[in-house]
Amino acid sequence: MRAVDIIINKREKGELTQEEINFFVQGFVKGDIPDYQVSAWAMAVLLNGMTPQETTDLTLAMVLSGRILDLSGVVDIAVDKHSSGGVGDKTTLTVLPTVAACGLPVGKMSGRGLGFSGGTLDKLESIPGYRVDLNTDEFKKQLKEKGIVLTGQSMDLAPADGKLYALRDVTGTVPSIPLIASSIMSKKIAAGANAIVLDVKVGKGAFMETLDMARELANLMTQIGDLAGRKTICLLSDMNQPLGNAVGNALEVKEAIDALKGGGSADFREHCLHVSAHMLAVGKRARDLDEGRRLAEKAIADGSAFEKFRVLVQAQGGDVSYVDDPDKLPRAKFVEVVKVHRSGWLSQVDARSVGEASVALGAGRAKKSDAVDHAVGFLIHHKVGDRVEKGEPLFTIHANDEKKQAEARERVLAAHVFCDEPASSLPLFYE
């Protein structure tokens, strides 16, 4: 069997066998199949797709490329949560401490920024000392003792996905539905999840730009979950505009902390409560969504959710003084408030344009080896449907380079579209 034949088969829209997929994945992990051949194969998959059976075979091949975490002796039920990626999506930083404070132990392995979408690990590394490289033994020990873990993907869990994830980011193959589905589900299954809550983003700032595409991804992931014996729930949520106000690593950490204290933007807070309610229900800590929501609201109101975030940061070596005083987090040299140039209603705040502008400022990566600037990004002050008046703040740029700042200003200004008639606000969730 040769890698080039498998690439050609997929290029010609053929269906790969389980044997071919296993051979390709194992060869990639061992280093027998080089990056350039895997890149060609990923592009063929992007262009020609995969059947549900192929995608399931790919998922399980990636799971079997490393260890499978058994959490049965650590927690009674292992619940995991994942977002398919978006702009300003710092939900994990608020949701995990909230549900953990309600008595549902939760351990999650997250990723770095992918394309125009921010990464949870990049955000957490805004906090000095925070370790994102826990091994599986450390993961299990911390989950048992503290009830919360948020780390990077362990090198011995689904290592094939870790390698492919990094390659997709720099080869233009991020939006492939089979590759997204297999990447997400392989990590969840390998990390020992019994139940999974998936937040599938829909819109301009998501990899799934239409509801039909999002449904396709959601159905594919629930099929994989069923075949693997995992209870899987998918929420379809809006990503036509940034979630919350902050876009950028340290800025998003600040907003997540604010939400844990009962503040933050209304849309972000509501989003977190809805996801938390689903996790608590599927994790059998709440009878239904209504009770789950009440528990989550109580954890935020009584301070236990914020305290759980402090416990998390301290347990993973982070300097908790940055949590207690978020103004200590990395700050940009240049902060500019851009004002509204005309009165009217906001009909669009293009999330993708904002995300791409944030990457251009340095908050994300153009290539695999790029460093991330934790200080830069934006605060987006208004939502679609808002009435805005000329001269009031529209958005704030945080930059460390004046040329990049000027370019970002124009891109984000263009992302805001005004109209003279009232515009409808966007839903938080579709279904």
Protein backbone atom coordinates (compact mmCIF):
# COMPACT_ATOMS: atom_id res chain seq x y z
CA MET A 1 0.00 0.00 0.00
CA ARG A 2 1.34 3.47 -0.92
CA ALA A 3 0.36 6.89 0.41
CA VAL A 4 0.26 8.39 -3.09
CA ASP A 5 -2.37 5.82 -4.18
CA ILE A 6 -4.57 6.78 -1.22
CA ILE A 7 -4.19 10.47 -2.15
CA ILE A 8 -5.10 9.74 -5.78
CA ASN A 9 -8.09 7.63 -4.72
CA LYS A 10 -9.47 10.52 -2.66
CA ARG A 11 -8.60 13.03 -5.40
CA GLU A 12 -10.73 10.95 -7.78
CA LYS A 13 -13.62 10.97 -5.25
CA GLY A 14 -13.15 7.36 -4.26
CA GLU A 15 -14.19 5.96 -0.85
CA LEU A 16 -11.26 4.91 1.33
CA THR A 17 -11.35 1.60 3.20
CA GLN A 18 -10.74 1.30 6.92
CA GLU A 19 -7.45 -0.43 6.07
CA GLU A 20 -6.31 2.49 3.86
CA ILE A 21 -7.25 5.06 6.50
CA ASN A 22 -5.45 3.14 9.27
CA PHE A 23 -2.34 2.78 7.08
CA PHE A 24 -2.31 6.52 6.28
CA VAL A 25 -2.85 7.66 9.88
CA GLN A 26 -0.26 5.26 11.32
CA GLY A 27 2.27 6.25 8.64
CA PHE A 28 1.75 9.95 9.41
CA VAL A 29 2.25 9.43 13.17
CA LYS A 30 5.39 7.33 12.66
CA GLY A 31 6.87 9.86 10.23
CA ASP A 32 6.82 7.45 7.27
CA ILE A 33 4.33 9.70 5.43
CA PRO A 34 5.63 13.29 5.19
CA ASP A 35 3.72 16.55 5.80
CA TYR A 36 3.48 17.36 2.09
CA GLN A 37 1.63 14.14 1.30
CA VAL A 38 -0.74 14.60 4.25
CA SER A 39 -1.37 18.19 3.09
CA ALA A 40 -2.30 16.92 -0.39
CA TRP A 41 -4.61 14.31 1.11
CA ALA A 42 -6.26 16.89 3.41
CA MET A 43 -6.93 19.15 0.41
CA ALA A 44 -8.49 16.21 -1.48
CA VAL A 45 -10.73 15.54 1.54
CA LEU A 46 -11.67 19.24 1.72
CA LEU A 47 -12.66 19.26 -1.98
CA ASN A 48 -14.31 15.83 -2.23
CA GLY A 49 -15.56 15.06 1.27
CA MET A 50 -15.86 11.75 3.09
CA THR A 51 -18.74 9.40 3.82
CA PRO A 52 -19.94 9.04 7.44
CA GLN A 53 -18.27 5.61 7.55
CA GLU A 54 -14.95 7.04 6.30
CA THR A 55 -15.17 9.85 8.87
CA THR A 56 -15.91 7.41 11.69
CA ASP A 57 -12.99 5.20 10.56
CA LEU A 58 -10.73 8.26 10.49
CA THR A 59 -11.90 9.31 13.97
CA LEU A 60 -11.25 5.87 15.47
CA ALA A 61 -7.87 5.58 13.69
CA MET A 62 -6.84 8.86 15.33
CA VAL A 63 -8.16 7.67 18.72
CA LEU A 64 -6.14 4.44 18.38
CA SER A 65 -2.97 6.35 17.40
CA GLY A 66 -2.32 6.86 21.13
CA ARG A 67 -3.61 6.12 24.62
CA ILE A 68 -7.29 6.19 25.54
CA LEU A 69 -7.91 7.83 28.91
CA ASP A 70 -10.03 5.81 31.32
CA LEU A 71 -11.66 8.16 33.84
CA SER A 72 -14.04 5.59 35.36
CA GLY A 73 -12.01 5.43 38.58
CA VAL A 74 -11.77 9.22 38.83
CA VAL A 75 -15.30 10.54 38.20
CA ASP A 76 -18.76 8.94 38.02
CA ILE A 77 -19.44 10.52 34.61
CA ALA A 78 -16.97 12.34 32.37
CA VAL A 79 -18.63 15.21 30.49
CA ASP A 80 -16.72 17.17 27.86
CA LYS A 81 -17.58 20.37 26.01
CA HIS A 82 -16.28 21.65 22.70
CA SER A 83 -16.83 24.63 20.44
CA SER A 84 -16.21 24.31 16.71
CA GLY A 85 -14.42 27.66 16.77
CA GLY A 86 -15.38 31.29 16.47
CA VAL A 87 -14.42 34.91 17.09
CA GLY A 88 -14.46 36.11 20.69
CA ASP A 89 -15.42 32.62 21.89
CA LYS A 90 -13.97 32.44 25.38
CA THR A 91 -16.90 30.31 26.60
CA THR A 92 -14.77 27.46 28.02
CA LEU A 93 -13.02 29.82 30.45
CA THR A 94 -16.38 30.70 32.03
CA VAL A 95 -18.40 27.51 31.57
CA LEU A 96 -15.91 24.99 33.02
CA PRO A 97 -15.49 26.72 36.41
CA THR A 98 -19.24 27.31 36.57
CA VAL A 99 -20.23 23.66 36.09
CA ALA A 100 -17.36 22.45 38.29
CA ALA A 101 -18.61 24.74 41.06
CA CYS A 102 -22.00 22.99 40.72
CA GLY A 103 -20.40 19.65 41.57
CA LEU A 104 -19.77 18.31 38.06
CA PRO A 105 -16.05 17.49 37.74
CA VAL A 106 -14.85 18.49 34.30
CA GLY A 107 -11.54 17.90 32.55
CA LYS A 108 -10.99 19.37 29.12
CA MET A 109 -8.21 19.30 26.57
CA SER A 110 -8.26 22.36 24.33
CA GLY A 111 -6.43 23.57 21.25
CA ARG A 112 -4.62 26.61 19.93
CA GLY A 113 -5.91 29.21 17.49
CA LEU A 114 -6.93 27.81 14.11
CA GLY A 115 -7.25 30.19 11.15
CA PHE A 116 -9.17 33.30 12.20
CA SER A 117 -10.56 31.48 15.26
CA GLY A 118 -8.93 32.04 18.65
CA GLY A 119 -7.59 29.16 20.78
CA THR A 120 -8.29 28.52 24.45
CA LEU A 121 -4.65 27.61 25.19
CA ASP A 122 -3.38 30.88 23.71
CA LYS A 123 -5.80 32.76 25.96
CA LEU A 124 -4.77 30.85 29.10
CA GLU A 125 -1.09 31.52 28.40
CA SER A 126 -1.84 35.22 28.97
CA ILE A 127 -1.62 34.22 32.65
CA PRO A 128 2.08 33.86 33.59
CA GLY A 129 3.07 30.36 34.64
CA TYR A 130 -0.13 28.62 33.52
CA ARG A 131 0.80 25.11 32.34
CA VAL A 132 -0.99 23.75 29.28
CA ASP A 133 1.14 20.60 28.98
CA LEU A 134 -0.19 18.30 31.72
CA ASN A 135 0.43 14.60 31.08
CA THR A 136 -2.36 12.08 31.50
CA ASP A 137 -1.39 11.13 35.06
CA GLU A 138 -1.35 14.80 36.11
CA PHE A 139 -4.70 15.27 34.32
CA LYS A 140 -6.35 12.44 36.29
CA LYS A 141 -4.82 13.48 39.62
CA GLN A 142 -5.96 17.09 39.27
CA LEU A 143 -9.44 16.09 38.10
CA LYS A 144 -9.86 13.87 41.16
CA GLU A 145 -8.47 16.40 43.65
CA LYS A 146 -9.69 19.73 42.26
CA GLY A 147 -12.64 18.74 40.06
CA ILE A 148 -11.41 20.84 37.13
CA VAL A 149 -8.66 20.59 34.48
CA LEU A 150 -8.07 22.70 31.38
CA THR A 151 -4.95 21.77 29.47
CA GLY A 152 -3.55 21.14 26.01
CA GLN A 153 -3.99 17.91 24.15
CA SER A 154 -1.70 15.34 25.72
CA MET A 155 0.89 14.08 23.24
CA ASP A 156 -0.07 10.49 23.98
CA LEU A 157 -3.80 11.02 23.32
CA ALA A 158 -4.84 11.02 19.64
CA PRO A 159 -1.36 12.19 18.52
CA ALA A 160 -2.45 11.88 14.88
CA ASP A 161 -5.02 14.61 15.44
CA GLY A 162 -2.48 16.89 17.12
CA LYS A 163 -0.20 16.65 14.08
CA LEU A 164 -3.03 17.03 11.56
CA TYR A 165 -4.59 19.96 13.50
CA ALA A 166 -1.38 22.00 13.23
CA LEU A 167 -1.00 21.16 9.53
CA ARG A 168 -4.59 22.10 8.61
CA ASP A 169 -4.13 25.59 10.07
CA VAL A 170 -1.42 26.49 7.55
CA THR A 171 -2.60 24.60 4.46
CA GLY A 172 -6.07 26.11 3.93
CA THR A 173 -7.86 22.89 4.92
CA VAL A 174 -9.50 24.03 8.18
CA PRO A 175 -13.13 24.19 6.86
CA SER A 176 -13.42 20.51 5.86
CA ILE A 177 -16.45 19.04 7.66
CA PRO A 178 -15.07 15.46 7.92
CA LEU A 179 -11.72 16.76 9.23
CA ILE A 180 -13.43 19.05 11.77
CA ALA A 181 -15.76 16.25 12.93
CA SER A 182 -13.01 13.64 13.25
CA SER A 183 -10.67 16.09 14.97
CA ILE A 184 -13.22 17.09 17.61
CA MET A 185 -14.59 13.61 18.25
CA SER A 186 -11.22 11.84 18.33
CA LYS A 187 -10.03 14.18 21.09
CA LYS A 188 -13.23 13.75 23.09
CA ILE A 189 -13.29 9.95 22.81
CA ALA A 190 -9.56 9.59 23.57
CA ALA A 191 -9.90 11.90 26.59
CA GLY A 192 -12.42 9.54 28.18
CA ALA A 193 -15.67 11.48 27.74
CA ASN A 194 -18.89 9.54 28.40
CA ALA A 195 -21.06 12.49 27.35
CA ILE A 196 -20.23 15.42 25.06
CA VAL A 197 -21.85 18.84 24.59
CA LEU A 198 -20.83 20.38 21.27
CA ASP A 199 -21.28 24.06 20.45
CA VAL A 200 -21.35 24.28 16.65
CA LYS A 201 -20.93 27.85 15.43
CA VAL A 202 -22.89 29.13 12.42
CA GLY A 203 -22.24 32.24 10.32
CA LYS A 204 -19.62 34.53 8.84
CA GLY A 205 -17.20 34.05 11.74
CA ALA A 206 -17.52 30.26 11.81
CA PHE A 207 -16.12 27.47 9.67
CA MET A 208 -19.78 26.51 9.06
CA GLU A 209 -21.21 29.56 7.32
CA THR A 210 -24.75 28.25 6.82
CA LEU A 211 -27.26 26.38 8.98
CA ASP A 212 -27.23 23.52 6.47
CA MET A 213 -23.44 23.13 6.83
CA ALA A 214 -23.71 23.34 10.62
CA ARG A 215 -26.44 20.69 10.67
CA GLU A 216 -24.27 18.46 8.49
CA LEU A 217 -21.39 18.77 10.95
CA ALA A 218 -23.68 18.31 13.97
CA ASN A 219 -25.32 15.21 12.48
CA LEU A 220 -21.94 13.74 11.55
CA MET A 221 -20.55 14.25 15.07
CA THR A 222 -23.63 12.81 16.77
CA GLN A 223 -23.41 9.79 14.42
CA ILE A 224 -19.76 9.29 15.39
CA GLY A 225 -20.70 9.67 19.07
CA ASP A 226 -23.47 7.09 18.77
CA LEU A 227 -21.17 4.61 16.98
CA ALA A 228 -18.58 5.10 19.74
CA GLY A 229 -21.19 4.73 22.53
CA ARG A 230 -21.05 8.37 23.69
CA LYS A 231 -24.09 10.53 24.46
CA THR A 232 -23.61 13.56 22.20
CA ILE A 233 -25.62 16.80 22.09
CA CYS A 234 -25.02 19.56 19.52
CA LEU A 235 -26.11 23.18 19.96
CA LEU A 236 -26.13 25.41 16.86
CA SER A 237 -25.14 28.95 17.90
CA ASP A 238 -24.69 32.21 16.02
CA MET A 239 -21.26 33.46 14.92
CA ASN A 240 -22.18 36.18 12.42
CA GLN A 241 -20.88 38.71 14.95
CA PRO A 242 -18.21 38.28 17.67
CA LEU A 243 -19.40 36.62 20.87
CA GLY A 244 -19.23 39.10 23.74
CA ASN A 245 -17.14 42.24 23.37
CA ALA A 246 -13.51 41.08 23.55
CA VAL A 247 -11.51 39.57 20.67
CA GLY A 248 -7.87 38.78 21.53
CA ASN A 249 -6.19 36.62 24.16
CA ALA A 250 -5.74 38.67 27.35
CA LEU A 251 -8.80 40.77 26.53
CA GLU A 252 -10.93 37.63 26.34
CA VAL A 253 -9.53 36.30 29.63
CA LYS A 254 -10.60 39.58 31.26
CA GLU A 255 -14.12 39.25 29.85
CA ALA A 256 -14.38 35.61 30.96
CA ILE A 257 -13.34 36.60 34.51
CA ASP A 258 -15.86 39.45 34.43
CA ALA A 259 -18.62 36.99 33.46
CA LEU A 260 -17.63 34.67 36.33
CA LYS A 261 -18.28 37.62 38.63
CA GLY A 262 -21.73 38.25 37.12
CA GLY A 263 -20.60 40.96 34.67
CA GLY A 264 -19.58 40.85 31.03
CA SER A 265 -21.74 41.41 27.98
CA ALA A 266 -25.32 40.11 28.09
CA ASP A 267 -24.95 37.85 25.03
CA PHE A 268 -21.80 36.16 26.33
CA ARG A 269 -23.26 35.65 29.83
CA GLU A 270 -26.47 34.14 28.39
CA HIS A 271 -24.48 31.87 26.06
CA CYS A 272 -22.43 30.52 28.98
CA LEU A 273 -25.51 29.87 31.13
CA HIS A 274 -27.20 27.94 28.29
CA VAL A 275 -24.14 25.73 27.64
CA SER A 276 -23.63 25.21 31.39
CA ALA A 277 -27.27 24.10 31.79
CA HIS A 278 -26.83 21.46 29.06
CA MET A 279 -23.61 20.16 30.66
CA LEU A 280 -25.21 19.91 34.10
CA ALA A 281 -28.23 18.08 32.68
CA VAL A 282 -26.22 15.57 30.64
CA GLY A 283 -23.83 15.17 33.60
CA LYS A 284 -26.78 14.21 35.84
CA ARG A 285 -26.25 17.07 38.28
CA ALA A 286 -29.54 18.67 37.20
CA ARG A 287 -32.90 17.05 36.42
CA ASP A 288 -33.45 19.29 33.40
CA LEU A 289 -32.19 22.47 31.68
CA ASP A 290 -34.17 24.78 33.96
CA GLU A 291 -32.56 23.34 37.08
CA GLY A 292 -29.17 23.37 35.35
CA ARG A 293 -29.53 27.05 34.61
CA ARG A 294 -30.57 27.84 38.19
CA LEU A 295 -27.53 25.99 39.52
CA ALA A 296 -25.21 27.85 37.12
CA GLU A 297 -26.71 31.24 38.03
CA LYS A 298 -26.29 30.44 41.74
CA ALA A 299 -22.62 29.43 41.29
CA ILE A 300 -21.89 32.78 39.65
CA ALA A 301 -23.95 34.79 42.16
CA ASP A 302 -22.34 33.23 45.25
CA GLY A 303 -18.78 33.52 43.92
CA SER A 304 -18.07 29.78 43.79
CA ALA A 305 -17.63 29.80 39.99
CA PHE A 306 -14.97 32.53 40.17
CA GLU A 307 -13.29 30.71 43.06
CA LYS A 308 -13.18 27.53 40.97
CA PHE A 309 -11.35 29.45 38.21
CA ARG A 310 -8.78 30.57 40.82
CA VAL A 311 -8.40 26.91 41.91
CA LEU A 312 -7.82 25.90 38.27
CA VAL A 313 -5.19 28.55 37.59
CA GLN A 314 -3.35 27.86 40.86
CA ALA A 315 -3.41 24.07 40.30
CA GLN A 316 -1.76 24.49 36.89
CA GLY A 317 1.00 26.81 38.07
CA GLY A 318 -0.55 30.11 37.01
CA ASP A 319 -0.04 33.34 38.94
CA VAL A 320 -3.46 33.77 40.54
CA SER A 321 -2.80 37.47 41.22
CA TYR A 322 -3.53 38.01 37.50
CA VAL A 323 -6.99 36.51 38.06
CA ASP A 324 -7.61 38.66 41.13
CA ASP A 325 -6.40 41.75 39.28
CA PRO A 326 -6.92 41.26 35.51
CA ASP A 327 -5.40 44.68 34.83
CA LYS A 328 -2.03 42.94 35.37
CA LEU A 329 -2.59 40.85 32.22
CA PRO A 330 -0.55 41.81 29.11
CA ARG A 331 -1.41 45.29 27.84
CA ALA A 332 -0.85 46.79 24.41
CA LYS A 333 1.23 49.93 23.80
CA PHE A 334 -1.38 51.59 21.62
CA VAL A 335 -5.05 51.76 22.63
CA GLU A 336 -7.35 53.65 20.26
CA VAL A 337 -11.09 54.23 20.58
CA VAL A 338 -12.69 54.42 17.12
CA LYS A 339 -15.94 56.36 17.09
CA VAL A 340 -19.17 55.97 15.13
CA HIS A 341 -18.99 58.08 11.96
CA ARG A 342 -22.76 58.20 11.34
CA SER A 343 -25.96 57.63 13.30
CA GLY A 344 -28.19 54.67 12.49
CA TRP A 345 -28.74 51.01 13.25
CA LEU A 346 -26.06 48.33 13.03
CA SER A 347 -27.10 45.72 10.47
CA GLN A 348 -23.80 43.76 10.47
CA VAL A 349 -20.62 43.28 12.50
CA ASP A 350 -18.72 40.82 10.30
CA ALA A 351 -17.13 38.35 12.72
CA ARG A 352 -14.74 36.89 10.15
CA SER A 353 -13.32 40.30 9.26
CA VAL A 354 -12.83 41.08 12.96
CA GLY A 355 -11.17 37.69 13.51
CA GLU A 356 -8.84 38.11 10.54
CA ALA A 357 -7.95 41.65 11.68
CA SER A 358 -7.14 40.27 15.14
CA VAL A 359 -4.80 37.65 13.63
CA ALA A 360 -3.13 40.40 11.55
CA LEU A 361 -2.51 42.39 14.74
CA GLY A 362 -0.65 39.34 16.12
CA ALA A 363 -3.35 37.64 18.22
CA GLY A 364 -3.23 34.53 15.98
CA ARG A 365 -0.86 32.70 13.64
CA ALA A 366 -0.19 33.01 9.91
CA LYS A 367 2.10 29.96 10.09
CA LYS A 368 2.61 27.09 12.51
CA SER A 369 5.74 28.51 14.18
CA ASP A 370 4.41 32.06 14.76
CA ALA A 371 4.40 33.47 18.27
CA VAL A 372 1.16 34.99 19.59
CA ASP A 373 0.92 38.52 21.02
CA HIS A 374 -1.36 38.10 24.05
CA ALA A 375 -2.00 41.82 24.49
CA VAL A 376 -3.51 42.78 21.13
CA GLY A 377 -7.09 42.63 19.89
CA PHE A 378 -10.35 44.54 19.96
CA LEU A 379 -13.27 45.47 22.16
CA ILE A 380 -16.39 45.57 19.98
CA HIS A 381 -18.84 47.87 21.74
CA HIS A 382 -22.10 47.24 19.84
CA LYS A 383 -24.25 44.36 18.59
CA VAL A 384 -26.29 43.92 15.42
CA GLY A 385 -29.63 45.64 15.95
CA ASP A 386 -28.20 48.39 18.20
CA ARG A 387 -29.05 52.03 17.55
CA VAL A 388 -25.78 54.00 17.49
CA GLU A 389 -25.19 57.74 17.48
CA LYS A 390 -22.43 59.59 15.65
CA GLY A 391 -19.44 60.25 17.92
CA GLU A 392 -19.97 57.43 20.43
CA PRO A 393 -17.38 54.62 20.76
CA LEU A 394 -17.74 51.90 18.11
CA PHE A 395 -14.72 49.70 18.90
CA THR A 396 -11.36 49.91 20.66
CA ILE A 397 -8.10 48.68 19.12
CA HIS A 398 -5.30 47.28 21.29
CA ALA A 399 -2.10 47.15 19.19
CA ASN A 400 1.67 46.97 19.55
CA ASP A 401 2.49 48.14 16.02
CA GLU A 402 1.21 51.43 14.57
CA LYS A 403 1.13 50.20 10.97
CA LYS A 404 -0.87 47.10 11.93
CA GLN A 405 -3.10 49.32 14.05
CA ALA A 406 -3.96 51.53 11.05
CA GLU A 407 -4.72 48.50 8.87
CA ALA A 408 -6.86 46.93 11.60
CA ARG A 409 -8.83 50.17 12.01
CA GLU A 410 -9.90 50.11 8.35
CA ARG A 411 -10.75 46.40 8.36
CA VAL A 412 -12.90 46.56 11.48
CA LEU A 413 -14.58 49.80 10.38
CA ALA A 414 -15.54 48.03 7.15
CA ALA A 415 -16.89 45.09 9.20
CA HIS A 416 -19.52 47.42 10.73
CA VAL A 417 -22.44 48.05 8.36
CA PHE A 418 -25.04 50.73 9.18
CA CYS A 419 -28.58 51.26 7.94
CA ASP A 420 -31.27 53.93 8.35
CA GLU A 421 -34.05 51.54 9.37
CA PRO A 422 -34.23 49.42 12.56
CA ALA A 423 -32.29 46.15 12.12
CA SER A 424 -33.17 42.85 13.77
CA SER A 425 -30.86 41.49 16.45
CA LEU A 426 -29.30 38.05 15.90
CA PRO A 427 -30.34 34.93 17.84
CA LEU A 428 -27.82 33.38 20.23
CA PHE A 429 -28.87 29.81 19.38
CA TYR A 430 -30.70 28.38 16.38
CA GLU A 431 -31.48 24.86 17.55
